[in-house]
Protein backbone atom coordinates (compact mmCIF):
# COMPACT_ATOMS: atom_id res chain seq x y z
CA MET A 1 63.78 47.85 112.35
CA PRO A 2 67.88 47.75 110.75
CA ALA A 3 70.35 47.88 112.36
CA ILE A 4 72.62 51.24 112.75
CA ASN A 5 76.05 50.42 111.46
CA PRO A 6 78.41 52.08 114.34
CA VAL A 7 80.76 53.03 111.85
CA PHE A 8 78.48 54.93 109.75
CA LEU A 9 77.22 56.96 113.19
CA TRP A 10 81.11 57.77 114.07
CA LEU A 11 81.82 59.18 110.62
CA ASN A 12 78.37 61.08 110.64
CA TRP A 13 78.91 62.59 113.99
CA HIS A 14 82.53 63.60 113.48
CA MET A 15 81.83 65.46 110.25
CA THR A 16 82.79 68.91 110.46
CA ALA A 17 83.62 72.16 108.26
CA LYS A 18 86.21 74.22 109.29
CA ILE A 19 85.97 77.88 109.95
CA ILE A 20 89.24 79.98 109.29
CA LEU A 21 89.97 83.71 110.29
CA ARG A 22 92.91 85.14 110.05
CA LYS A 23 95.17 81.96 112.03
CA GLN A 24 92.41 80.96 114.18
CA GLU A 25 90.88 77.95 113.02
CA PHE A 26 87.86 77.01 114.50
CA GLU A 27 85.46 72.83 113.81
CA VAL A 28 81.89 73.22 113.50
CA LYS A 29 79.06 70.92 112.54
CA HIS A 30 77.71 70.93 109.00
CA GLY A 31 74.12 71.06 108.44
CA MET A 32 73.89 75.05 109.63
CA THR A 33 73.82 78.39 108.06
CA VAL A 34 77.19 80.17 108.35
CA ARG A 35 75.53 82.82 110.23
CA LYS A 36 74.03 80.69 113.10
CA ALA A 37 77.98 78.65 112.98
CA LEU A 38 79.50 82.62 113.65
CA GLN A 39 76.93 83.24 116.32
CA LYS A 40 77.84 80.14 118.04
CA LEU A 41 81.86 81.17 117.75
CA GLY A 42 80.80 84.52 119.22
CA ILE A 43 81.52 86.32 115.72
CA GLU A 44 80.13 89.05 114.70
CA PRO A 45 78.77 87.66 111.25
CA ASP A 46 78.04 91.54 109.88
CA SER A 47 81.56 92.12 110.67
CA VAL A 48 83.38 89.18 108.05
CA LEU A 49 82.62 88.25 104.37
CA ALA A 50 82.57 83.99 104.21
CA THR A 51 84.61 82.58 101.34
CA LEU A 52 84.06 79.21 99.92
CA ASN A 53 87.15 78.13 97.36
CA GLY A 54 88.09 81.62 96.72
CA GLU A 55 84.37 82.68 95.89
CA LEU A 56 81.69 84.47 98.39
CA ILE A 57 78.82 82.98 100.04
CA THR A 58 75.75 84.32 101.82
CA ASP A 59 75.46 83.61 105.80
CA ASP A 60 72.45 82.00 105.05
CA GLU A 61 74.33 79.31 103.22
CA ILE A 62 74.33 75.98 104.63
CA ILE A 63 77.92 74.58 105.44
CA LYS A 64 78.38 71.32 104.32
CA GLU A 65 80.71 68.34 105.18
CA ASN A 66 84.77 68.68 104.89
CA VAL A 67 84.79 72.74 103.41
CA VAL A 68 86.68 75.21 104.79
CA ILE A 69 85.20 78.30 104.87
CA LYS A 70 87.27 81.44 105.42
CA LEU A 71 86.18 84.61 106.56
CA ILE A 72 87.77 88.19 105.36
CA PRO A 73 87.40 90.96 108.40
CA VAL A 74 85.25 93.78 106.99
CA ILE A 75 87.08 97.04 107.60
CA SER A 76 85.07 100.59 107.59
CA GLY A 77 86.27 104.37 107.89
CA GLY A 78 87.07 106.74 106.63
CA HIS A 79 86.11 110.62 106.26
CA GLN A 80 82.61 111.58 107.59
């Protein structure tokens, strides 16, 4: 079995993505869906819209390493 380079392991283990909601920044592991990451952070997925590079993405999008996902709070209300 070939030896695994410890630097490779460290880099892969530390590869994260960033999720930003208002002025809060969260680091999450890549490889999970946006929905799963939001749930782990205690953010209700239906209360925000996720964007990547200014484009809307769905909550089933797999988070890639080193990306920055910005969340936009959903506002509802009005006349009944």
